[in-house]
């Protein structure tokens, strides 16, 4: 069973989760603004689709109907709670 609150980088591939919190201070103002424009905030569902083969590479995530790439340090600032089932 997965921890109830983990970093997005720790989420297994194709696992859906809800954003529990975002450390907005852990990223640049431009990155934070862009994520808010995409609709990323607490309570939003997110799915990890793919991670780069190299450690520390970008992650592809689905937010709503959008697929976006997140740098590893940005994904590390996002805490999620896996959805039941």
PDB file of N, CA and C in Angstrom:
ATOM      1  N   UNK A   1       0.843  -1.187   0.000  1.00  0.00           N
ATOM      2  CA  UNK A   1       0.000   0.000   0.000  1.00  0.00           C
ATOM      3  C   UNK A   1       0.884   1.244   0.000  1.00  0.00           C
ATOM      4  N   UNK A   2       0.464   2.257  -0.735  1.00  0.00           N
ATOM      5  CA  UNK A   2       1.229   3.487  -0.837  1.00  0.00           C
ATOM      6  C   UNK A   2       0.978   4.397   0.354  1.00  0.00           C
ATOM      7  N   UNK A   3       1.988   5.196   0.669  1.00  0.00           N
ATOM      8  CA  UNK A   3       1.869   6.194   1.722  1.00  0.00           C
ATOM      9  C   UNK A   3       0.755   7.180   1.362  1.00  0.00           C
ATOM     10  N   UNK A   4       0.024   7.678   2.342  1.00  0.00           N
ATOM     11  CA  UNK A   4      -1.072   8.594   2.045  1.00  0.00           C
ATOM     12  C   UNK A   4      -0.613   9.972   1.578  1.00  0.00           C
ATOM     13  N   UNK A   5       0.662  10.293   1.733  1.00  0.00           N
ATOM     14  CA  UNK A   5       1.144  11.612   1.336  1.00  0.00           C
ATOM     15  C   UNK A   5       2.597  11.487   0.889  1.00  0.00           C
ATOM     16  N   UNK A   6       2.839  11.537  -0.426  1.00  0.00           N
ATOM     17  CA  UNK A   6       4.178  11.377  -0.952  1.00  0.00           C
ATOM     18  C   UNK A   6       4.441  12.391  -2.046  1.00  0.00           C
ATOM     19  N   UNK A   7       5.707  12.546  -2.408  1.00  0.00           N
ATOM     20  CA  UNK A   7       6.062  13.454  -3.495  1.00  0.00           C
ATOM     21  C   UNK A   7       5.608  12.845  -4.817  1.00  0.00           C
ATOM     22  N   UNK A   8       5.263  13.701  -5.743  1.00  0.00           N
ATOM     23  CA  UNK A   8       4.848  13.233  -7.070  1.00  0.00           C
ATOM     24  C   UNK A   8       5.935  12.357  -7.694  1.00  0.00           C
ATOM     25  N   UNK A   9       7.193  12.643  -7.420  1.00  0.00           N
ATOM     26  CA  UNK A   9       8.290  11.846  -7.969  1.00  0.00           C
ATOM     27  C   UNK A   9       8.280  10.410  -7.454  1.00  0.00           C
ATOM     28  N   UNK A  10       7.613  10.159  -6.328  1.00  0.00           N
ATOM     29  CA  UNK A  10       7.549   8.826  -5.736  1.00  0.00           C
ATOM     30  C   UNK A  10       6.315   8.039  -6.198  1.00  0.00           C
ATOM     31  N   UNK A  11       5.423   8.679  -6.905  1.00  0.00           N
ATOM     32  CA  UNK A  11       4.192   8.030  -7.353  1.00  0.00           C
ATOM     33  C   UNK A  11       4.508   7.006  -8.442  1.00  0.00           C
ATOM     34  N   UNK A  12       3.968   5.798  -8.345  1.00  0.00           N
ATOM     35  CA  UNK A  12       4.196   4.818  -9.413  1.00  0.00           C
ATOM     36  C   UNK A  12       3.571   5.280 -10.734  1.00  0.00           C
ATOM     37  N   UNK A  13       4.193   4.862 -11.823  1.00  0.00           N
ATOM     38  CA  UNK A  13       3.692   5.219 -13.151  1.00  0.00           C
ATOM     39  C   UNK A  13       2.272   4.716 -13.344  1.00  0.00           C
ATOM     40  N   UNK A  14       1.462   5.504 -13.990  1.00  0.00           N
ATOM     41  CA  UNK A  14       0.034   5.285 -14.296  1.00  0.00           C
ATOM     42  C   UNK A  14      -0.846   5.298 -13.052  1.00  0.00           C
ATOM     43  N   UNK A  15      -0.314   5.701 -11.928  1.00  0.00           N
ATOM     44  CA  UNK A  15      -1.104   5.802 -10.707  1.00  0.00           C
ATOM     45  C   UNK A  15      -1.721   7.192 -10.635  1.00  0.00           C
ATOM     46  N   UNK A  16      -3.002   7.252 -10.321  1.00  0.00           N
ATOM     47  CA  UNK A  16      -3.690   8.534 -10.180  1.00  0.00           C
ATOM     48  C   UNK A  16      -3.673   8.964  -8.726  1.00  0.00           C
ATOM     49  N   UNK A  17      -3.624  10.272  -8.522  1.00  0.00           N
ATOM     50  CA  UNK A  17      -3.558  10.814  -7.170  1.00  0.00           C
ATOM     51  C   UNK A  17      -4.216  12.191  -7.148  1.00  0.00           C
ATOM     52  N   UNK A  18      -4.398  12.695  -5.948  1.00  0.00           N
ATOM     53  CA  UNK A  18      -4.907  14.044  -5.741  1.00  0.00           C
ATOM     54  C   UNK A  18      -3.780  14.879  -5.164  1.00  0.00           C
ATOM     55  N   UNK A  19      -3.627  16.087  -5.651  1.00  0.00           N
ATOM     56  CA  UNK A  19      -2.598  16.981  -5.134  1.00  0.00           C
ATOM     57  C   UNK A  19      -2.975  17.362  -3.704  1.00  0.00           C
ATOM     58  N   UNK A  20      -2.111  17.017  -2.759  1.00  0.00           N
ATOM     59  CA  UNK A  20      -2.352  17.324  -1.346  1.00  0.00           C
ATOM     60  C   UNK A  20      -1.809  18.696  -0.987  1.00  0.00           C
ATOM     61  N   UNK A  21      -0.623  19.034  -1.509  1.00  0.00           N
ATOM     62  CA  UNK A  21      -0.032  20.351  -1.247  1.00  0.00           C
ATOM     63  C   UNK A  21       1.035  20.634  -2.288  1.00  0.00           C
ATOM     64  N   UNK A  22       1.336  21.911  -2.441  1.00  0.00           N
ATOM     65  CA  UNK A  22       2.375  22.340  -3.370  1.00  0.00           C
ATOM     66  C   UNK A  22       3.279  23.325  -2.628  1.00  0.00           C
ATOM     67  N   UNK A  23       4.581  23.080  -2.673  1.00  0.00           N
ATOM     68  CA  UNK A  23       5.556  23.990  -2.086  1.00  0.00           C
ATOM     69  C   UNK A  23       5.901  25.043  -3.132  1.00  0.00           C
ATOM     70  N   UNK A  24       5.085  26.076  -3.201  1.00  0.00           N
ATOM     71  CA  UNK A  24       5.270  27.112  -4.221  1.00  0.00           C
ATOM     72  C   UNK A  24       6.608  27.818  -4.058  1.00  0.00           C
ATOM     73  N   UNK A  25       7.133  27.871  -2.831  1.00  0.00           N
ATOM     74  CA  UNK A  25       8.416  28.526  -2.581  1.00  0.00           C
ATOM     75  C   UNK A  25       9.583  27.686  -3.110  1.00  0.00           C
ATOM     76  N   UNK A  26       9.353  26.403  -3.383  1.00  0.00           N
ATOM     77  CA  UNK A  26      10.406  25.513  -3.856  1.00  0.00           C
ATOM     78  C   UNK A  26      10.645  25.589  -5.352  1.00  0.00           C
ATOM     79  N   UNK A  27       9.993  26.538  -6.024  1.00  0.00           N
ATOM     80  CA  UNK A  27      10.178  26.691  -7.465  1.00  0.00           C
ATOM     81  C   UNK A  27      10.243  28.173  -7.804  1.00  0.00           C
ATOM     82  N   UNK A  28      10.647  28.469  -9.003  1.00  0.00           N
ATOM     83  CA  UNK A  28      10.751  29.868  -9.412  1.00  0.00           C
ATOM     84  C   UNK A  28       9.347  30.459  -9.575  1.00  0.00           C
ATOM     85  N   UNK A  29       9.227  31.790  -9.490  1.00  0.00           N
ATOM     86  CA  UNK A  29       7.917  32.421  -9.685  1.00  0.00           C
ATOM     87  C   UNK A  29       7.297  32.082 -11.046  1.00  0.00           C
ATOM     88  N   UNK A  30       8.129  31.979 -12.077  1.00  0.00           N
ATOM     89  CA  UNK A  30       7.623  31.628 -13.406  1.00  0.00           C
ATOM     90  C   UNK A  30       7.063  30.219 -13.455  1.00  0.00           C
ATOM     91  N   UNK A  31       7.763  29.283 -12.806  1.00  0.00           N
ATOM     92  CA  UNK A  31       7.280  27.895 -12.763  1.00  0.00           C
ATOM     93  C   UNK A  31       5.967  27.815 -11.989  1.00  0.00           C
ATOM     94  N   UNK A  32       5.895  28.510 -10.863  1.00  0.00           N
ATOM     95  CA  UNK A  32       4.678  28.495 -10.052  1.00  0.00           C
ATOM     96  C   UNK A  32       3.506  29.095 -10.821  1.00  0.00           C
ATOM     97  N   UNK A  33       3.744  30.202 -11.502  1.00  0.00           N
ATOM     98  CA  UNK A  33       2.682  30.844 -12.284  1.00  0.00           C
ATOM     99  C   UNK A  33       2.185  29.912 -13.391  1.00  0.00           C
ATOM    100  N   UNK A  34       3.123  29.267 -14.078  1.00  0.00           N
ATOM    101  CA  UNK A  34       2.746  28.379 -15.183  1.00  0.00           C
ATOM    102  C   UNK A  34       1.911  27.205 -14.678  1.00  0.00           C
ATOM    103  N   UNK A  35       2.302  26.611 -13.546  1.00  0.00           N
ATOM    104  CA  UNK A  35       1.528  25.494 -12.998  1.00  0.00           C
ATOM    105  C   UNK A  35       0.117  25.933 -12.605  1.00  0.00           C
ATOM    106  N   UNK A  36       0.007  27.119 -12.039  1.00  0.00           N
ATOM    107  CA  UNK A  36      -1.333  27.634 -11.697  1.00  0.00           C
ATOM    108  C   UNK A  36      -2.159  27.860 -12.956  1.00  0.00           C
ATOM    109  N   UNK A  37      -1.508  28.336 -14.021  1.00  0.00           N
ATOM    110  CA  UNK A  37      -2.210  28.517 -15.299  1.00  0.00           C
ATOM    111  C   UNK A  37      -2.719  27.187 -15.845  1.00  0.00           C
ATOM    112  N   UNK A  38      -1.980  26.110 -15.601  1.00  0.00           N
ATOM    113  CA  UNK A  38      -2.397  24.777 -16.031  1.00  0.00           C
ATOM    114  C   UNK A  38      -3.497  24.209 -15.141  1.00  0.00           C
ATOM    115  N   UNK A  39      -3.780  24.876 -14.017  1.00  0.00           N
ATOM    116  CA  UNK A  39      -4.826  24.403 -13.122  1.00  0.00           C
ATOM    117  C   UNK A  39      -4.331  23.531 -11.992  1.00  0.00           C
ATOM    118  N   UNK A  40      -3.018  23.470 -11.801  1.00  0.00           N
ATOM    119  CA  UNK A  40      -2.481  22.646 -10.735  1.00  0.00           C
ATOM    120  C   UNK A  40      -2.612  23.382  -9.404  1.00  0.00           C
ATOM    121  N   UNK A  41      -3.292  22.763  -8.465  1.00  0.00           N
ATOM    122  CA  UNK A  41      -3.447  23.297  -7.116  1.00  0.00           C
ATOM    123  C   UNK A  41      -3.948  22.171  -6.232  1.00  0.00           C
ATOM    124  N   UNK A  42      -4.059  22.420  -4.953  1.00  0.00           N
ATOM    125  CA  UNK A  42      -4.537  21.396  -4.025  1.00  0.00           C
ATOM    126  C   UNK A  42      -5.929  20.904  -4.443  1.00  0.00           C
ATOM    127  N   UNK A  43      -6.119  19.590  -4.344  1.00  0.00           N
ATOM    128  CA  UNK A  43      -7.405  18.979  -4.662  1.00  0.00           C
ATOM    129  C   UNK A  43      -7.572  18.539  -6.099  1.00  0.00           C
ATOM    130  N   UNK A  44      -6.625  18.872  -6.960  1.00  0.00           N
ATOM    131  CA  UNK A  44      -6.699  18.508  -8.379  1.00  0.00           C
ATOM    132  C   UNK A  44      -6.172  17.086  -8.567  1.00  0.00           C
ATOM    133  N   UNK A  45      -6.821  16.317  -9.428  1.00  0.00           N
ATOM    134  CA  UNK A  45      -6.342  14.971  -9.744  1.00  0.00           C
ATOM    135  C   UNK A  45      -5.187  15.055 -10.731  1.00  0.00           C
ATOM    136  N   UNK A  46      -4.201  14.182 -10.530  1.00  0.00           N
ATOM    137  CA  UNK A  46      -3.015  14.144 -11.383  1.00  0.00           C
ATOM    138  C   UNK A  46      -2.631  12.676 -11.581  1.00  0.00           C
ATOM    139  N   UNK A  47      -2.076  12.380 -12.731  1.00  0.00           N
ATOM    140  CA  UNK A  47      -1.643  11.009 -13.034  1.00  0.00           C
ATOM    141  C   UNK A  47      -0.231  11.061 -13.592  1.00  0.00           C
ATOM    142  N   UNK A  48       0.659  10.248 -13.043  1.00  0.00           N
ATOM    143  CA  UNK A  48       2.019  10.154 -13.560  1.00  0.00           C
ATOM    144  C   UNK A  48       2.000   9.174 -14.735  1.00  0.00           C
ATOM    145  N   UNK A  49       2.301   9.677 -15.923  1.00  0.00           N
ATOM    146  CA  UNK A  49       2.251   8.860 -17.134  1.00  0.00           C
ATOM    147  C   UNK A  49       3.595   8.233 -17.475  1.00  0.00           C
ATOM    148  N   UNK A  50       4.658   9.008 -17.304  1.00  0.00           N
ATOM    149  CA  UNK A  50       5.972   8.532 -17.744  1.00  0.00           C
ATOM    150  C   UNK A  50       7.054   9.317 -17.021  1.00  0.00           C
ATOM    151  N   UNK A  51       8.159   8.647 -16.746  1.00  0.00           N
ATOM    152  CA  UNK A  51       9.314   9.349 -16.183  1.00  0.00           C
ATOM    153  C   UNK A  51      10.517   9.065 -17.071  1.00  0.00           C
ATOM    154  N   UNK A  52      11.424  10.028 -17.141  1.00  0.00           N
ATOM    155  CA  UNK A  52      12.620   9.875 -17.955  1.00  0.00           C
ATOM    156  C   UNK A  52      13.446   8.701 -17.447  1.00  0.00           C
ATOM    157  N   UNK A  53      14.159   8.061 -18.345  1.00  0.00           N
ATOM    158  CA  UNK A  53      14.967   6.905 -17.966  1.00  0.00           C
ATOM    159  C   UNK A  53      16.124   7.302 -17.057  1.00  0.00           C
ATOM    160  N   UNK A  54      16.631   8.508 -17.233  1.00  0.00           N
ATOM    161  CA  UNK A  54      17.719   8.990 -16.391  1.00  0.00           C
ATOM    162  C   UNK A  54      17.149   9.575 -15.110  1.00  0.00           C
ATOM    163  N   UNK A  55      17.758   9.263 -14.017  1.00  0.00           N
ATOM    164  CA  UNK A  55      17.334   9.790 -12.732  1.00  0.00           C
ATOM    165  C   UNK A  55      17.421  11.312 -12.744  1.00  0.00           C
ATOM    166  N   UNK A  56      16.393  11.958 -12.248  1.00  0.00           N
ATOM    167  CA  UNK A  56      16.380  13.414 -12.199  1.00  0.00           C
ATOM    168  C   UNK A  56      15.848  14.058 -13.462  1.00  0.00           C
ATOM    169  N   UNK A  57      15.385  13.246 -14.407  1.00  0.00           N
ATOM    170  CA  UNK A  57      14.837  13.775 -15.651  1.00  0.00           C
ATOM    171  C   UNK A  57      13.380  14.179 -15.476  1.00  0.00           C
ATOM    172  N   UNK A  58      12.779  14.722 -16.514  1.00  0.00           N
ATOM    173  CA  UNK A  58      11.395  15.190 -16.426  1.00  0.00           C
ATOM    174  C   UNK A  58      10.390  14.045 -16.303  1.00  0.00           C
ATOM    175  N   UNK A  59       9.200  14.408 -15.828  1.00  0.00           N
ATOM    176  CA  UNK A  59       8.083  13.472 -15.686  1.00  0.00           C
ATOM    177  C   UNK A  59       6.925  13.980 -16.532  1.00  0.00           C
ATOM    178  N   UNK A  60       6.238  13.093 -17.206  1.00  0.00           N
ATOM    179  CA  UNK A  60       5.033  13.456 -17.944  1.00  0.00           C
ATOM    180  C   UNK A  60       3.837  13.140 -17.066  1.00  0.00           C
ATOM    181  N   UNK A  61       2.974  14.128 -16.896  1.00  0.00           N
ATOM    182  CA  UNK A  61       1.802  13.976 -16.029  1.00  0.00           C
ATOM    183  C   UNK A  61       0.551  14.438 -16.753  1.00  0.00           C
ATOM    184  N   UNK A  62      -0.559  13.869 -16.351  1.00  0.00           N
ATOM    185  CA  UNK A  62      -1.851  14.297 -16.884  1.00  0.00           C
ATOM    186  C   UNK A  62      -2.572  15.071 -15.786  1.00  0.00           C
ATOM    187  N   UNK A  63      -2.980  16.274 -16.130  1.00  0.00           N
ATOM    188  CA  UNK A  63      -3.812  17.104 -15.254  1.00  0.00           C
ATOM    189  C   UNK A  63      -5.060  17.415 -16.068  1.00  0.00           C
ATOM    190  N   UNK A  64      -6.181  16.863 -15.646  1.00  0.00           N
ATOM    191  CA  UNK A  64      -7.399  17.014 -16.448  1.00  0.00           C
ATOM    192  C   UNK A  64      -7.204  16.321 -17.785  1.00  0.00           C
ATOM    193  N   UNK A  65      -7.380  17.070 -18.887  1.00  0.00           N
ATOM    194  CA  UNK A  65      -7.189  16.503 -20.217  1.00  0.00           C
ATOM    195  C   UNK A  65      -5.837  16.864 -20.812  1.00  0.00           C
ATOM    196  N   UNK A  66      -5.006  17.586 -20.035  1.00  0.00           N
ATOM    197  CA  UNK A  66      -3.691  18.018 -20.509  1.00  0.00           C
ATOM    198  C   UNK A  66      -2.593  17.061 -20.075  1.00  0.00           C
ATOM    199  N   UNK A  67      -1.622  16.888 -20.927  1.00  0.00           N
ATOM    200  CA  UNK A  67      -0.402  16.177 -20.570  1.00  0.00           C
ATOM    201  C   UNK A  67       0.705  17.206 -20.553  1.00  0.00           C
ATOM    202  N   UNK A  68       1.406  17.290 -19.414  1.00  0.00           N
ATOM    203  CA  UNK A  68       2.481  18.262 -19.283  1.00  0.00           C
ATOM    204  C   UNK A  68       3.749  17.564 -18.792  1.00  0.00           C
ATOM    205  N   UNK A  69       4.884  18.152 -19.096  1.00  0.00           N
ATOM    206  CA  UNK A  69       6.165  17.659 -18.593  1.00  0.00           C
ATOM    207  C   UNK A  69       6.597  18.544 -17.435  1.00  0.00           C
ATOM    208  N   UNK A  70       7.012  17.907 -16.361  1.00  0.00           N
ATOM    209  CA  UNK A  70       7.474  18.630 -15.188  1.00  0.00           C
ATOM    210  C   UNK A  70       8.930  18.279 -14.919  1.00  0.00           C
ATOM    211  N   UNK A  71       9.729  19.272 -14.634  1.00  0.00           N
ATOM    212  CA  UNK A  71      11.098  19.012 -14.207  1.00  0.00           C
ATOM    213  C   UNK A  71      11.052  18.295 -12.871  1.00  0.00           C
ATOM    214  N   UNK A  72      12.065  17.490 -12.594  1.00  0.00           N
ATOM    215  CA  UNK A  72      12.073  16.690 -11.369  1.00  0.00           C
ATOM    216  C   UNK A  72      11.990  17.553 -10.115  1.00  0.00           C
ATOM    217  N   UNK A  73      12.665  18.704 -10.095  1.00  0.00           N
ATOM    218  CA  UNK A  73      12.611  19.538  -8.884  1.00  0.00           C
ATOM    219  C   UNK A  73      11.225  20.144  -8.679  1.00  0.00           C
ATOM    220  N   UNK A  74      10.499  20.393  -9.759  1.00  0.00           N
ATOM    221  CA  UNK A  74       9.129  20.902  -9.638  1.00  0.00           C
ATOM    222  C   UNK A  74       8.215  19.784  -9.140  1.00  0.00           C
ATOM    223  N   UNK A  75       8.355  18.590  -9.711  1.00  0.00           N
ATOM    224  CA  UNK A  75       7.544  17.450  -9.270  1.00  0.00           C
ATOM    225  C   UNK A  75       7.825  17.125  -7.806  1.00  0.00           C
ATOM    226  N   UNK A  76       9.055  17.348  -7.360  1.00  0.00           N
ATOM    227  CA  UNK A  76       9.419  17.106  -5.971  1.00  0.00           C
ATOM    228  C   UNK A  76       8.776  18.088  -5.006  1.00  0.00           C
ATOM    229  N   UNK A  77       8.303  19.217  -5.512  1.00  0.00           N
ATOM    230  CA  UNK A  77       7.626  20.216  -4.675  1.00  0.00           C
ATOM    231  C   UNK A  77       6.129  19.937  -4.557  1.00  0.00           C
ATOM    232  N   UNK A  78       5.651  18.900  -5.233  1.00  0.00           N
ATOM    233  CA  UNK A  78       4.220  18.560  -5.236  1.00  0.00           C
ATOM    234  C   UNK A  78       4.018  17.297  -4.412  1.00  0.00           C
ATOM    235  N   UNK A  79       3.173  17.400  -3.394  1.00  0.00           N
ATOM    236  CA  UNK A  79       2.841  16.228  -2.561  1.00  0.00           C
ATOM    237  C   UNK A  79       1.458  15.757  -2.984  1.00  0.00           C
ATOM    238  N   UNK A  80       1.308  14.425  -3.078  1.00  0.00           N
ATOM    239  CA  UNK A  80       0.059  13.843  -3.555  1.00  0.00           C
ATOM    240  C   UNK A  80      -0.437  12.769  -2.606  1.00  0.00           C
ATOM    241  N   UNK A  81      -1.724  12.494  -2.696  1.00  0.00           N
ATOM    242  CA  UNK A  81      -2.352  11.398  -1.961  1.00  0.00           C
ATOM    243  C   UNK A  81      -2.981  10.480  -3.008  1.00  0.00           C
ATOM    244  N   UNK A  82      -2.515   9.229  -3.116  1.00  0.00           N
ATOM    245  CA  UNK A  82      -3.058   8.310  -4.126  1.00  0.00           C
ATOM    246  C   UNK A  82      -4.567   8.125  -3.956  1.00  0.00           C
ATOM    247  N   UNK A  83      -5.266   8.016  -5.078  1.00  0.00           N
ATOM    248  CA  UNK A  83      -6.701   7.756  -5.052  1.00  0.00           C
ATOM    249  C   UNK A  83      -6.957   6.302  -4.681  1.00  0.00           C
ATOM    250  N   UNK A  84      -8.010   6.061  -3.957  1.00  0.00           N
ATOM    251  CA  UNK A  84      -8.360   4.680  -3.583  1.00  0.00           C
ATOM    252  C   UNK A  84      -8.824   3.926  -4.817  1.00  0.00           C
ATOM    253  N   UNK A  85      -8.438   2.651  -4.894  1.00  0.00           N
ATOM    254  CA  UNK A  85      -8.919   1.795  -5.981  1.00  0.00           C
ATOM    255  C   UNK A  85      -8.060   1.719  -7.105  1.00  0.00           C
TER     256      UNK A  85
END
